[in-house]
């Protein structure tokens, strides 16, 4: 960390300025992670720049799969190895779309749980909550649909306003973590009308 006047600057070496700036739209200045640890994000700077994140709602699952397939293929054509690439979704129910997108890219997939020796040859796919601590050069965050994130079943189970707030905060943090796994490239997609979080990212 470095200090400028009375502000402590936290230096981010993992994520490009463009990705960090876009992901920051999802969260308030003070955030609490899944372990209850509160952290201020003001004053964070990234040491390198990259392309703008590609955030878009699409008309259908088929269109989304085709788009992410082409996006993955383009990243690999640019020299990013399949093992340096992730495709993340909210939950198990959306993994089929991730698999289909990898297939559309002409690649093979491996689950995050099995990622290891095969990482250099395959694109890893998995759920957002499994991505904490991971890094990749390119990340596709798929299936950010209405009622998928935030998860409708969690919203309906909230008995009080404070519980509902916690649901939204934690769901926002999930997509924030997913986006910031990327060092250089990130694409975030969903089927229209899409998650309200897509709207935040498109501001």
N, C-alpha and C. Protein backbone atom coordinates (compact mmCIF):
# COMPACT_ATOMS: atom_id res chain seq x y z
N UNK A 1 0.84 -1.20 0.00
CA UNK A 1 0.00 0.00 0.00
C UNK A 1 0.87 1.25 0.00
N UNK A 2 0.40 2.32 -0.60
CA UNK A 2 1.08 3.61 -0.56
C UNK A 2 0.10 4.65 -0.07
N UNK A 3 0.64 5.76 0.46
CA UNK A 3 -0.23 6.82 0.98
C UNK A 3 -0.08 8.08 0.16
N UNK A 4 -1.20 8.71 -0.14
CA UNK A 4 -1.24 10.00 -0.80
C UNK A 4 -2.05 10.94 0.08
N UNK A 5 -1.38 11.89 0.75
CA UNK A 5 -2.09 12.72 1.70
C UNK A 5 -2.61 11.84 2.83
N UNK A 6 -3.94 11.90 3.04
CA UNK A 6 -4.54 11.09 4.11
C UNK A 6 -5.18 9.83 3.56
N UNK A 7 -5.04 9.56 2.24
CA UNK A 7 -5.68 8.41 1.61
C UNK A 7 -4.69 7.27 1.43
N UNK A 8 -5.06 6.09 1.88
CA UNK A 8 -4.25 4.91 1.67
C UNK A 8 -4.64 4.27 0.34
N UNK A 9 -3.69 4.15 -0.55
CA UNK A 9 -3.95 3.55 -1.86
C UNK A 9 -3.61 2.07 -1.81
N UNK A 10 -4.59 1.24 -2.19
CA UNK A 10 -4.36 -0.20 -2.29
C UNK A 10 -4.10 -0.53 -3.74
N UNK A 11 -2.98 -1.15 -3.99
CA UNK A 11 -2.57 -1.42 -5.36
C UNK A 11 -3.04 -2.81 -5.78
N UNK A 12 -3.77 -2.86 -6.89
CA UNK A 12 -4.30 -4.11 -7.42
C UNK A 12 -3.41 -4.57 -8.57
N UNK A 13 -2.72 -5.68 -8.36
CA UNK A 13 -1.83 -6.21 -9.39
C UNK A 13 -2.51 -7.30 -10.23
N UNK A 14 -3.73 -7.68 -9.87
CA UNK A 14 -4.36 -8.86 -10.46
C UNK A 14 -5.32 -8.53 -11.59
N UNK A 15 -6.00 -7.39 -11.50
CA UNK A 15 -7.09 -7.08 -12.41
C UNK A 15 -6.85 -5.74 -13.09
N UNK A 16 -7.17 -5.66 -14.37
CA UNK A 16 -6.97 -4.42 -15.11
C UNK A 16 -7.84 -3.29 -14.55
N UNK A 17 -7.43 -2.08 -14.85
CA UNK A 17 -8.18 -0.90 -14.42
C UNK A 17 -9.62 -0.96 -14.93
N UNK A 18 -9.80 -1.37 -16.19
CA UNK A 18 -11.13 -1.38 -16.78
C UNK A 18 -12.05 -2.40 -16.09
N UNK A 19 -11.52 -3.57 -15.77
CA UNK A 19 -12.33 -4.60 -15.11
C UNK A 19 -12.66 -4.17 -13.68
N UNK A 20 -11.67 -3.68 -12.97
CA UNK A 20 -11.90 -3.26 -11.58
C UNK A 20 -12.92 -2.13 -11.52
N UNK A 21 -12.79 -1.13 -12.42
CA UNK A 21 -13.71 0.01 -12.43
C UNK A 21 -15.15 -0.45 -12.71
N UNK A 22 -15.31 -1.37 -13.67
CA UNK A 22 -16.65 -1.85 -14.00
C UNK A 22 -17.24 -2.67 -12.86
N UNK A 23 -16.45 -3.58 -12.29
CA UNK A 23 -16.94 -4.41 -11.19
C UNK A 23 -17.30 -3.57 -9.97
N UNK A 24 -16.59 -2.47 -9.76
CA UNK A 24 -16.87 -1.62 -8.61
C UNK A 24 -18.28 -1.03 -8.65
N UNK A 25 -18.91 -0.99 -9.82
CA UNK A 25 -20.28 -0.48 -9.92
C UNK A 25 -21.27 -1.38 -9.18
N UNK A 26 -20.88 -2.61 -8.91
CA UNK A 26 -21.78 -3.56 -8.27
C UNK A 26 -21.89 -3.37 -6.76
N UNK A 27 -20.86 -2.78 -6.16
CA UNK A 27 -20.77 -2.80 -4.70
C UNK A 27 -20.67 -1.40 -4.11
N UNK A 28 -21.09 -1.24 -2.85
CA UNK A 28 -20.92 0.03 -2.15
C UNK A 28 -19.46 0.22 -1.74
N UNK A 29 -19.10 1.42 -1.24
CA UNK A 29 -17.71 1.66 -0.83
C UNK A 29 -17.22 0.71 0.26
N UNK A 30 -18.11 0.28 1.17
CA UNK A 30 -17.74 -0.69 2.20
C UNK A 30 -18.43 -2.00 1.89
N UNK A 31 -17.67 -3.09 1.86
CA UNK A 31 -18.25 -4.39 1.57
C UNK A 31 -17.90 -5.38 2.65
N UNK A 32 -18.80 -6.35 2.85
CA UNK A 32 -18.55 -7.43 3.81
C UNK A 32 -18.58 -8.74 3.03
N UNK A 33 -17.51 -9.52 3.16
CA UNK A 33 -17.45 -10.75 2.39
C UNK A 33 -18.24 -11.86 3.07
N UNK A 34 -18.19 -13.06 2.48
CA UNK A 34 -19.00 -14.17 2.98
C UNK A 34 -18.59 -14.61 4.39
N UNK A 35 -17.40 -14.21 4.82
CA UNK A 35 -16.94 -14.54 6.17
C UNK A 35 -17.25 -13.42 7.17
N UNK A 36 -17.92 -12.38 6.71
CA UNK A 36 -18.29 -11.28 7.59
C UNK A 36 -17.21 -10.23 7.77
N UNK A 37 -16.14 -10.30 6.99
CA UNK A 37 -15.04 -9.34 7.10
C UNK A 37 -15.38 -8.12 6.25
N UNK A 38 -15.38 -6.95 6.89
CA UNK A 38 -15.72 -5.71 6.19
C UNK A 38 -14.46 -5.04 5.68
N UNK A 39 -14.54 -4.53 4.45
CA UNK A 39 -13.38 -3.92 3.83
C UNK A 39 -13.80 -2.73 2.99
N UNK A 40 -13.05 -1.64 3.11
CA UNK A 40 -13.30 -0.48 2.28
C UNK A 40 -12.57 -0.63 0.95
N UNK A 41 -13.24 -0.22 -0.15
CA UNK A 41 -12.63 -0.39 -1.47
C UNK A 41 -12.14 0.92 -2.05
N UNK A 42 -12.43 2.04 -1.38
CA UNK A 42 -12.02 3.33 -1.89
C UNK A 42 -10.50 3.44 -1.91
N UNK A 43 -9.96 3.99 -2.98
CA UNK A 43 -8.53 4.18 -3.05
C UNK A 43 -7.77 3.04 -3.70
N UNK A 44 -8.48 2.05 -4.23
CA UNK A 44 -7.80 0.96 -4.92
C UNK A 44 -7.43 1.39 -6.34
N UNK A 45 -6.20 1.11 -6.74
CA UNK A 45 -5.76 1.42 -8.09
C UNK A 45 -5.20 0.16 -8.73
N UNK A 46 -5.35 0.05 -10.04
CA UNK A 46 -4.77 -1.06 -10.79
C UNK A 46 -3.52 -0.58 -11.50
N UNK A 47 -2.56 -1.47 -11.67
CA UNK A 47 -1.27 -1.05 -12.21
C UNK A 47 -1.19 -1.24 -13.73
N UNK A 48 -2.24 -1.79 -14.35
CA UNK A 48 -2.21 -1.95 -15.80
C UNK A 48 -3.60 -1.79 -16.38
N UNK A 49 -3.65 -1.54 -17.67
CA UNK A 49 -4.91 -1.33 -18.36
C UNK A 49 -5.19 -2.47 -19.33
N UNK A 50 -6.44 -2.58 -19.75
CA UNK A 50 -6.84 -3.62 -20.68
C UNK A 50 -8.09 -3.20 -21.41
N UNK A 51 -8.66 -4.09 -22.20
CA UNK A 51 -9.90 -3.77 -22.93
C UNK A 51 -11.09 -3.63 -21.99
N UNK A 52 -12.07 -2.88 -22.43
CA UNK A 52 -13.29 -2.72 -21.64
C UNK A 52 -14.03 -4.06 -21.54
N UNK A 53 -14.63 -4.35 -20.39
CA UNK A 53 -15.46 -5.55 -20.27
C UNK A 53 -16.62 -5.51 -21.26
N UNK A 54 -17.01 -6.68 -21.74
CA UNK A 54 -18.13 -6.80 -22.69
C UNK A 54 -19.35 -7.28 -21.90
N UNK A 55 -20.29 -6.39 -21.65
CA UNK A 55 -21.48 -6.69 -20.85
C UNK A 55 -22.70 -6.54 -21.75
N UNK A 56 -23.48 -7.62 -21.89
CA UNK A 56 -24.64 -7.51 -22.79
C UNK A 56 -25.72 -8.54 -22.48
N UNK A 57 -26.98 -8.09 -22.47
CA UNK A 57 -28.10 -9.02 -22.46
C UNK A 57 -28.38 -9.48 -23.88
N UNK A 58 -28.72 -10.76 -24.04
CA UNK A 58 -28.95 -11.33 -25.36
C UNK A 58 -30.37 -11.88 -25.44
N UNK A 59 -30.84 -12.14 -26.65
CA UNK A 59 -32.25 -12.47 -26.86
C UNK A 59 -32.64 -13.89 -26.45
N UNK A 60 -31.69 -14.80 -26.42
CA UNK A 60 -32.02 -16.19 -26.12
C UNK A 60 -30.78 -16.90 -25.60
N UNK A 61 -31.00 -18.09 -25.02
CA UNK A 61 -29.87 -18.90 -24.58
C UNK A 61 -28.99 -19.28 -25.75
N UNK A 62 -29.61 -19.59 -26.90
CA UNK A 62 -28.84 -19.98 -28.07
C UNK A 62 -27.93 -18.83 -28.53
N UNK A 63 -28.46 -17.61 -28.49
CA UNK A 63 -27.66 -16.46 -28.90
C UNK A 63 -26.53 -16.22 -27.91
N UNK A 64 -26.82 -16.40 -26.62
CA UNK A 64 -25.78 -16.23 -25.61
C UNK A 64 -24.67 -17.27 -25.79
N UNK A 65 -25.04 -18.51 -25.98
CA UNK A 65 -24.06 -19.58 -26.17
C UNK A 65 -23.18 -19.29 -27.38
N UNK A 66 -23.80 -18.85 -28.48
CA UNK A 66 -23.04 -18.54 -29.69
C UNK A 66 -22.09 -17.36 -29.45
N UNK A 67 -22.57 -16.34 -28.75
CA UNK A 67 -21.73 -15.18 -28.48
C UNK A 67 -20.54 -15.54 -27.62
N UNK A 68 -20.79 -16.24 -26.50
CA UNK A 68 -19.68 -16.61 -25.62
C UNK A 68 -18.74 -17.59 -26.31
N UNK A 69 -19.28 -18.49 -27.12
CA UNK A 69 -18.42 -19.39 -27.88
C UNK A 69 -17.46 -18.62 -28.78
N UNK A 70 -17.99 -17.62 -29.49
CA UNK A 70 -17.15 -16.80 -30.37
C UNK A 70 -16.15 -15.97 -29.56
N UNK A 71 -16.60 -15.46 -28.41
CA UNK A 71 -15.73 -14.65 -27.56
C UNK A 71 -14.56 -15.49 -27.04
N UNK A 72 -14.86 -16.71 -26.58
CA UNK A 72 -13.80 -17.60 -26.11
C UNK A 72 -12.82 -17.95 -27.23
N UNK A 73 -13.36 -18.26 -28.40
CA UNK A 73 -12.51 -18.60 -29.54
C UNK A 73 -11.59 -17.44 -29.90
N UNK A 74 -12.11 -16.22 -29.81
CA UNK A 74 -11.29 -15.04 -30.13
C UNK A 74 -10.17 -14.85 -29.11
N UNK A 75 -10.46 -15.09 -27.83
CA UNK A 75 -9.42 -14.95 -26.81
C UNK A 75 -8.31 -15.98 -27.04
N UNK A 76 -8.70 -17.19 -27.37
CA UNK A 76 -7.71 -18.24 -27.61
C UNK A 76 -6.91 -17.93 -28.87
N UNK A 77 -7.56 -17.40 -29.89
CA UNK A 77 -6.85 -16.99 -31.10
C UNK A 77 -5.85 -15.87 -30.82
N UNK A 78 -6.14 -15.06 -29.80
CA UNK A 78 -5.24 -13.98 -29.40
C UNK A 78 -4.03 -14.49 -28.62
N UNK A 79 -4.02 -15.78 -28.28
CA UNK A 79 -2.87 -16.35 -27.59
C UNK A 79 -3.10 -16.74 -26.14
N UNK A 80 -4.35 -16.62 -25.65
CA UNK A 80 -4.66 -17.04 -24.28
C UNK A 80 -4.94 -18.54 -24.31
N UNK A 81 -4.24 -19.28 -23.47
CA UNK A 81 -4.43 -20.74 -23.45
C UNK A 81 -5.79 -21.08 -22.84
N UNK A 82 -6.41 -22.17 -23.29
CA UNK A 82 -7.68 -22.59 -22.68
C UNK A 82 -7.58 -22.69 -21.15
N UNK A 83 -6.45 -23.15 -20.64
CA UNK A 83 -6.29 -23.29 -19.19
C UNK A 83 -6.18 -21.98 -18.44
N UNK A 84 -6.08 -20.87 -19.19
CA UNK A 84 -6.06 -19.54 -18.57
C UNK A 84 -7.42 -18.86 -18.69
N UNK A 85 -8.45 -19.68 -18.92
CA UNK A 85 -9.79 -19.16 -19.20
C UNK A 85 -10.81 -19.85 -18.30
N UNK A 86 -11.77 -19.09 -17.80
CA UNK A 86 -12.85 -19.61 -16.97
C UNK A 86 -14.20 -19.23 -17.57
N UNK A 87 -15.19 -20.11 -17.36
CA UNK A 87 -16.59 -19.77 -17.63
C UNK A 87 -17.35 -20.03 -16.33
N UNK A 88 -17.97 -18.99 -15.79
CA UNK A 88 -18.63 -19.07 -14.49
C UNK A 88 -20.12 -18.81 -14.61
N UNK A 89 -20.91 -19.54 -13.81
CA UNK A 89 -22.36 -19.37 -13.76
C UNK A 89 -22.80 -19.33 -12.29
N UNK A 90 -24.05 -18.93 -12.07
CA UNK A 90 -24.53 -18.78 -10.70
C UNK A 90 -24.65 -20.11 -9.97
N UNK A 91 -25.21 -21.13 -10.63
CA UNK A 91 -25.46 -22.39 -9.94
C UNK A 91 -25.48 -23.55 -10.93
N UNK A 92 -25.65 -24.75 -10.39
CA UNK A 92 -25.56 -25.98 -11.18
C UNK A 92 -26.51 -25.96 -12.38
N UNK A 93 -27.68 -25.36 -12.20
CA UNK A 93 -28.68 -25.35 -13.26
C UNK A 93 -28.24 -24.67 -14.54
N UNK A 94 -27.21 -23.82 -14.47
CA UNK A 94 -26.74 -23.11 -15.66
C UNK A 94 -25.46 -23.70 -16.26
N UNK A 95 -24.95 -24.77 -15.67
CA UNK A 95 -23.70 -25.34 -16.17
C UNK A 95 -23.82 -25.85 -17.60
N UNK A 96 -25.01 -26.30 -18.00
CA UNK A 96 -25.20 -26.77 -19.36
C UNK A 96 -24.91 -25.69 -20.38
N UNK A 97 -25.27 -24.45 -20.06
CA UNK A 97 -25.00 -23.34 -20.98
C UNK A 97 -23.50 -23.08 -21.08
N UNK A 98 -22.80 -23.21 -19.97
CA UNK A 98 -21.34 -23.03 -19.99
C UNK A 98 -20.68 -24.11 -20.85
N UNK A 99 -21.11 -25.35 -20.68
CA UNK A 99 -20.55 -26.45 -21.47
C UNK A 99 -20.81 -26.23 -22.96
N UNK A 100 -22.03 -25.79 -23.28
CA UNK A 100 -22.39 -25.56 -24.68
C UNK A 100 -21.54 -24.45 -25.30
N UNK A 101 -21.25 -23.40 -24.52
CA UNK A 101 -20.44 -22.29 -25.02
C UNK A 101 -19.01 -22.74 -25.29
N UNK A 102 -18.46 -23.56 -24.39
CA UNK A 102 -17.11 -24.07 -24.60
C UNK A 102 -17.07 -24.95 -25.86
N UNK A 103 -18.08 -25.76 -26.03
CA UNK A 103 -18.16 -26.60 -27.24
C UNK A 103 -18.26 -25.74 -28.49
N UNK A 104 -19.04 -24.65 -28.41
CA UNK A 104 -19.18 -23.74 -29.55
C UNK A 104 -17.86 -23.07 -29.90
N UNK A 105 -16.98 -22.94 -28.90
CA UNK A 105 -15.66 -22.36 -29.13
C UNK A 105 -14.68 -23.38 -29.73
N UNK A 106 -15.14 -24.63 -29.86
CA UNK A 106 -14.28 -25.67 -30.38
C UNK A 106 -13.29 -26.19 -29.36
N UNK A 107 -13.66 -26.05 -28.06
CA UNK A 107 -12.76 -26.44 -26.98
C UNK A 107 -13.41 -27.51 -26.09
N UNK A 108 -12.62 -28.07 -25.20
CA UNK A 108 -13.11 -29.00 -24.19
C UNK A 108 -13.14 -28.29 -22.84
N UNK A 109 -14.01 -28.79 -21.96
CA UNK A 109 -14.12 -28.17 -20.64
C UNK A 109 -13.68 -29.14 -19.55
N UNK A 110 -13.35 -28.55 -18.40
CA UNK A 110 -13.05 -29.32 -17.20
C UNK A 110 -13.71 -28.57 -16.04
N UNK A 111 -14.26 -29.28 -15.08
CA UNK A 111 -14.91 -28.61 -13.95
C UNK A 111 -13.85 -27.98 -13.05
N UNK A 112 -14.22 -26.92 -12.37
CA UNK A 112 -13.28 -26.27 -11.45
C UNK A 112 -12.74 -27.24 -10.42
N UNK A 113 -13.58 -28.16 -9.97
CA UNK A 113 -13.16 -29.13 -8.96
C UNK A 113 -12.06 -30.05 -9.46
N UNK A 114 -12.04 -30.29 -10.78
CA UNK A 114 -11.06 -31.21 -11.36
C UNK A 114 -9.92 -30.49 -12.06
N UNK A 115 -9.93 -29.16 -11.99
CA UNK A 115 -8.91 -28.38 -12.67
C UNK A 115 -7.54 -28.71 -12.10
N UNK A 116 -6.58 -28.98 -12.95
CA UNK A 116 -5.25 -29.34 -12.48
C UNK A 116 -4.35 -29.64 -13.64
N UNK A 117 -3.99 -30.89 -13.79
CA UNK A 117 -3.07 -31.28 -14.85
C UNK A 117 -3.62 -30.97 -16.23
N UNK A 118 -4.95 -31.00 -16.37
CA UNK A 118 -5.56 -30.76 -17.67
C UNK A 118 -5.79 -29.28 -17.96
N UNK A 119 -5.42 -28.40 -17.02
CA UNK A 119 -5.77 -26.99 -17.13
C UNK A 119 -5.26 -26.35 -18.41
N UNK A 120 -4.09 -26.75 -18.88
CA UNK A 120 -3.55 -26.11 -20.07
C UNK A 120 -4.31 -26.45 -21.33
N UNK A 121 -5.08 -27.52 -21.31
CA UNK A 121 -5.77 -27.99 -22.50
C UNK A 121 -7.27 -27.69 -22.51
N UNK A 122 -7.83 -27.34 -21.36
CA UNK A 122 -9.28 -27.22 -21.26
C UNK A 122 -9.70 -25.93 -20.55
N UNK A 123 -10.86 -25.44 -20.95
CA UNK A 123 -11.45 -24.29 -20.28
C UNK A 123 -12.19 -24.77 -19.03
N UNK A 124 -11.90 -24.16 -17.90
CA UNK A 124 -12.55 -24.56 -16.65
C UNK A 124 -13.92 -23.89 -16.53
N UNK A 125 -14.91 -24.66 -16.10
CA UNK A 125 -16.25 -24.13 -15.88
C UNK A 125 -16.67 -24.44 -14.46
N UNK A 126 -17.53 -23.59 -13.90
CA UNK A 126 -17.99 -23.86 -12.55
C UNK A 126 -18.89 -22.76 -12.03
N UNK A 127 -19.31 -22.93 -10.79
CA UNK A 127 -20.20 -21.98 -10.14
C UNK A 127 -19.40 -20.82 -9.54
N UNK A 128 -20.03 -19.66 -9.49
CA UNK A 128 -19.36 -18.45 -9.03
C UNK A 128 -18.77 -18.61 -7.63
N UNK A 129 -19.47 -19.30 -6.74
CA UNK A 129 -18.98 -19.37 -5.37
C UNK A 129 -17.72 -20.23 -5.24
N UNK A 130 -17.39 -20.99 -6.27
CA UNK A 130 -16.17 -21.80 -6.26
C UNK A 130 -14.97 -21.03 -6.80
N UNK A 131 -15.19 -19.80 -7.27
CA UNK A 131 -14.13 -19.07 -7.98
C UNK A 131 -13.28 -18.20 -7.06
N UNK A 132 -13.67 -18.05 -5.81
CA UNK A 132 -12.92 -17.18 -4.91
C UNK A 132 -11.47 -17.65 -4.83
N UNK A 133 -10.55 -16.72 -5.00
CA UNK A 133 -9.13 -17.03 -4.93
C UNK A 133 -8.51 -17.44 -6.25
N UNK A 134 -9.34 -17.66 -7.28
CA UNK A 134 -8.82 -18.06 -8.59
C UNK A 134 -8.43 -16.85 -9.42
N UNK A 135 -7.57 -17.07 -10.39
CA UNK A 135 -7.20 -16.04 -11.35
C UNK A 135 -7.18 -16.65 -12.74
N UNK A 136 -7.53 -15.84 -13.74
CA UNK A 136 -7.49 -16.28 -15.13
C UNK A 136 -7.30 -15.06 -16.00
N UNK A 137 -6.75 -15.26 -17.17
CA UNK A 137 -6.56 -14.13 -18.07
C UNK A 137 -7.88 -13.69 -18.70
N UNK A 138 -8.79 -14.65 -18.92
CA UNK A 138 -10.09 -14.33 -19.53
C UNK A 138 -11.18 -15.07 -18.79
N UNK A 139 -12.27 -14.38 -18.49
CA UNK A 139 -13.40 -14.97 -17.76
C UNK A 139 -14.70 -14.59 -18.44
N UNK A 140 -15.54 -15.58 -18.71
CA UNK A 140 -16.90 -15.35 -19.19
C UNK A 140 -17.85 -15.65 -18.04
N UNK A 141 -18.68 -14.69 -17.70
CA UNK A 141 -19.68 -14.85 -16.64
C UNK A 141 -21.03 -14.94 -17.34
N UNK A 142 -21.59 -16.16 -17.40
CA UNK A 142 -22.78 -16.43 -18.20
C UNK A 142 -24.05 -16.56 -17.37
N UNK A 143 -25.16 -16.55 -18.08
CA UNK A 143 -26.47 -16.87 -17.50
C UNK A 143 -26.86 -15.92 -16.37
N UNK A 144 -26.50 -14.65 -16.51
CA UNK A 144 -26.91 -13.66 -15.52
C UNK A 144 -28.33 -13.19 -15.87
N UNK A 145 -29.26 -14.10 -15.65
CA UNK A 145 -30.65 -13.88 -16.03
C UNK A 145 -31.46 -13.35 -14.85
N UNK A 146 -32.61 -12.78 -15.18
CA UNK A 146 -33.59 -12.43 -14.16
C UNK A 146 -34.00 -13.70 -13.41
N UNK A 147 -34.05 -13.65 -12.09
CA UNK A 147 -34.40 -14.75 -11.19
C UNK A 147 -33.29 -15.80 -11.04
N UNK A 148 -32.18 -15.63 -11.78
CA UNK A 148 -31.03 -16.51 -11.59
C UNK A 148 -30.02 -15.86 -10.64
N UNK A 149 -29.72 -14.58 -10.88
CA UNK A 149 -28.89 -13.83 -9.95
C UNK A 149 -29.46 -12.41 -9.87
N UNK A 150 -29.98 -11.97 -8.74
CA UNK A 150 -30.09 -12.73 -7.49
C UNK A 150 -31.04 -13.92 -7.62
N UNK A 151 -30.72 -14.97 -6.92
CA UNK A 151 -31.47 -16.22 -7.01
C UNK A 151 -32.86 -16.04 -6.42
N UNK A 152 -33.88 -16.33 -7.22
CA UNK A 152 -35.26 -16.09 -6.81
C UNK A 152 -35.63 -16.86 -5.56
N UNK A 153 -35.16 -18.08 -5.42
CA UNK A 153 -35.50 -18.88 -4.23
C UNK A 153 -34.97 -18.25 -2.96
N UNK A 154 -33.82 -17.60 -3.04
CA UNK A 154 -33.26 -16.91 -1.87
C UNK A 154 -34.09 -15.67 -1.52
N UNK A 155 -34.53 -14.96 -2.55
CA UNK A 155 -35.37 -13.78 -2.32
C UNK A 155 -36.67 -14.18 -1.63
N UNK A 156 -37.29 -15.25 -2.13
CA UNK A 156 -38.57 -15.69 -1.58
C UNK A 156 -38.44 -16.24 -0.16
N UNK A 157 -37.26 -16.70 0.20
CA UNK A 157 -37.07 -17.27 1.55
C UNK A 157 -36.78 -16.20 2.60
N UNK A 158 -36.54 -14.96 2.17
CA UNK A 158 -36.22 -13.89 3.11
C UNK A 158 -37.49 -13.46 3.86
N UNK A 159 -37.46 -13.59 5.17
CA UNK A 159 -38.65 -13.28 5.98
C UNK A 159 -38.70 -11.81 6.40
N UNK A 160 -37.55 -11.17 6.45
CA UNK A 160 -37.48 -9.77 6.90
C UNK A 160 -36.67 -8.95 5.91
N UNK A 161 -36.83 -7.62 6.00
CA UNK A 161 -36.12 -6.74 5.08
C UNK A 161 -34.61 -6.87 5.24
N UNK A 162 -34.15 -7.07 6.47
CA UNK A 162 -32.71 -7.21 6.70
C UNK A 162 -32.18 -8.47 6.02
N UNK A 163 -32.99 -9.53 6.02
CA UNK A 163 -32.57 -10.76 5.35
C UNK A 163 -32.54 -10.56 3.84
N UNK A 164 -33.51 -9.80 3.32
CA UNK A 164 -33.54 -9.52 1.89
C UNK A 164 -32.33 -8.70 1.48
N UNK A 165 -31.97 -7.73 2.31
CA UNK A 165 -30.78 -6.93 2.04
C UNK A 165 -29.53 -7.81 1.98
N UNK A 166 -29.45 -8.77 2.90
CA UNK A 166 -28.31 -9.68 2.93
C UNK A 166 -28.25 -10.55 1.68
N UNK A 167 -29.43 -10.97 1.20
CA UNK A 167 -29.48 -11.76 -0.03
C UNK A 167 -28.92 -10.95 -1.19
N UNK A 168 -29.40 -9.72 -1.35
CA UNK A 168 -28.94 -8.90 -2.47
C UNK A 168 -27.45 -8.58 -2.35
N UNK A 169 -27.00 -8.27 -1.13
CA UNK A 169 -25.58 -7.96 -0.93
C UNK A 169 -24.69 -9.15 -1.29
N UNK A 170 -25.08 -10.33 -0.83
CA UNK A 170 -24.25 -11.51 -1.08
C UNK A 170 -24.29 -11.93 -2.54
N UNK A 171 -25.45 -11.75 -3.19
CA UNK A 171 -25.54 -12.09 -4.61
C UNK A 171 -24.73 -11.11 -5.45
N UNK A 172 -24.74 -9.85 -5.08
CA UNK A 172 -23.90 -8.87 -5.76
C UNK A 172 -22.42 -9.23 -5.59
N UNK A 173 -22.07 -9.66 -4.40
CA UNK A 173 -20.67 -10.01 -4.14
C UNK A 173 -20.25 -11.21 -4.97
N UNK A 174 -21.17 -12.14 -5.18
CA UNK A 174 -20.85 -13.30 -6.02
C UNK A 174 -20.46 -12.89 -7.43
N UNK A 175 -21.25 -12.03 -8.04
CA UNK A 175 -20.94 -11.63 -9.42
C UNK A 175 -19.71 -10.73 -9.45
N UNK A 176 -19.50 -9.95 -8.40
CA UNK A 176 -18.28 -9.13 -8.30
C UNK A 176 -17.05 -10.03 -8.27
N UNK A 177 -17.09 -11.06 -7.44
CA UNK A 177 -15.96 -12.00 -7.35
C UNK A 177 -15.74 -12.67 -8.71
N UNK A 178 -16.83 -13.09 -9.36
CA UNK A 178 -16.70 -13.74 -10.66
C UNK A 178 -16.00 -12.84 -11.67
N UNK A 179 -16.42 -11.58 -11.74
CA UNK A 179 -15.83 -10.65 -12.71
C UNK A 179 -14.37 -10.38 -12.42
N UNK A 180 -14.02 -10.26 -11.15
CA UNK A 180 -12.66 -9.88 -10.80
C UNK A 180 -11.70 -11.06 -10.74
N UNK A 181 -12.14 -12.24 -11.16
CA UNK A 181 -11.18 -13.33 -11.37
C UNK A 181 -10.36 -13.07 -12.62
N UNK A 182 -10.84 -12.19 -13.48
CA UNK A 182 -10.20 -11.94 -14.78
C UNK A 182 -9.07 -10.93 -14.65
N UNK A 183 -7.97 -11.24 -15.28
CA UNK A 183 -6.86 -10.30 -15.33
C UNK A 183 -7.02 -9.33 -16.49
N UNK A 184 -7.33 -9.85 -17.68
CA UNK A 184 -7.30 -9.03 -18.89
C UNK A 184 -8.65 -8.86 -19.57
N UNK A 185 -9.45 -9.93 -19.65
CA UNK A 185 -10.69 -9.90 -20.42
C UNK A 185 -11.83 -10.47 -19.59
N UNK A 186 -13.00 -9.81 -19.67
CA UNK A 186 -14.20 -10.37 -19.05
C UNK A 186 -15.40 -10.06 -19.93
N UNK A 187 -16.28 -11.05 -20.07
CA UNK A 187 -17.57 -10.87 -20.73
C UNK A 187 -18.65 -11.30 -19.75
N UNK A 188 -19.71 -10.53 -19.65
CA UNK A 188 -20.81 -10.83 -18.74
C UNK A 188 -22.10 -10.80 -19.55
N UNK A 189 -22.82 -11.93 -19.54
CA UNK A 189 -24.01 -12.04 -20.39
C UNK A 189 -25.18 -12.66 -19.64
N UNK A 190 -26.36 -12.46 -20.21
CA UNK A 190 -27.57 -13.08 -19.70
C UNK A 190 -28.66 -12.96 -20.75
N UNK A 191 -29.74 -13.68 -20.55
CA UNK A 191 -30.87 -13.62 -21.48
C UNK A 191 -31.81 -12.50 -21.03
N UNK A 192 -32.24 -11.69 -21.99
CA UNK A 192 -33.12 -10.56 -21.68
C UNK A 192 -34.38 -11.02 -20.95
N UNK A 193 -34.88 -10.23 -19.98
CA UNK A 193 -34.41 -8.90 -19.60
C UNK A 193 -33.11 -8.89 -18.81
N UNK A 194 -32.66 -10.03 -18.37
CA UNK A 194 -31.38 -10.11 -17.68
C UNK A 194 -31.48 -9.73 -16.22
N UNK A 195 -30.46 -10.09 -15.48
CA UNK A 195 -30.37 -9.70 -14.08
C UNK A 195 -30.29 -8.19 -13.94
N UNK A 196 -30.83 -7.67 -12.86
CA UNK A 196 -30.69 -6.23 -12.61
C UNK A 196 -29.22 -5.84 -12.46
N UNK A 197 -28.38 -6.81 -12.11
CA UNK A 197 -26.95 -6.52 -11.96
C UNK A 197 -26.30 -6.22 -13.31
N UNK A 198 -26.85 -6.77 -14.39
CA UNK A 198 -26.33 -6.41 -15.72
C UNK A 198 -26.53 -4.92 -15.98
N UNK A 199 -27.67 -4.41 -15.53
CA UNK A 199 -27.93 -2.99 -15.70
C UNK A 199 -26.92 -2.14 -14.95
N UNK A 200 -26.55 -2.57 -13.74
CA UNK A 200 -25.55 -1.84 -12.97
C UNK A 200 -24.22 -1.81 -13.72
N UNK A 201 -23.85 -2.95 -14.31
CA UNK A 201 -22.57 -3.05 -15.00
C UNK A 201 -22.54 -2.27 -16.31
N UNK A 202 -23.72 -1.95 -16.84
CA UNK A 202 -23.78 -1.23 -18.11
C UNK A 202 -23.86 0.29 -17.94
N UNK A 203 -23.79 0.75 -16.71
CA UNK A 203 -23.84 2.21 -16.47
C UNK A 203 -22.61 2.89 -17.03
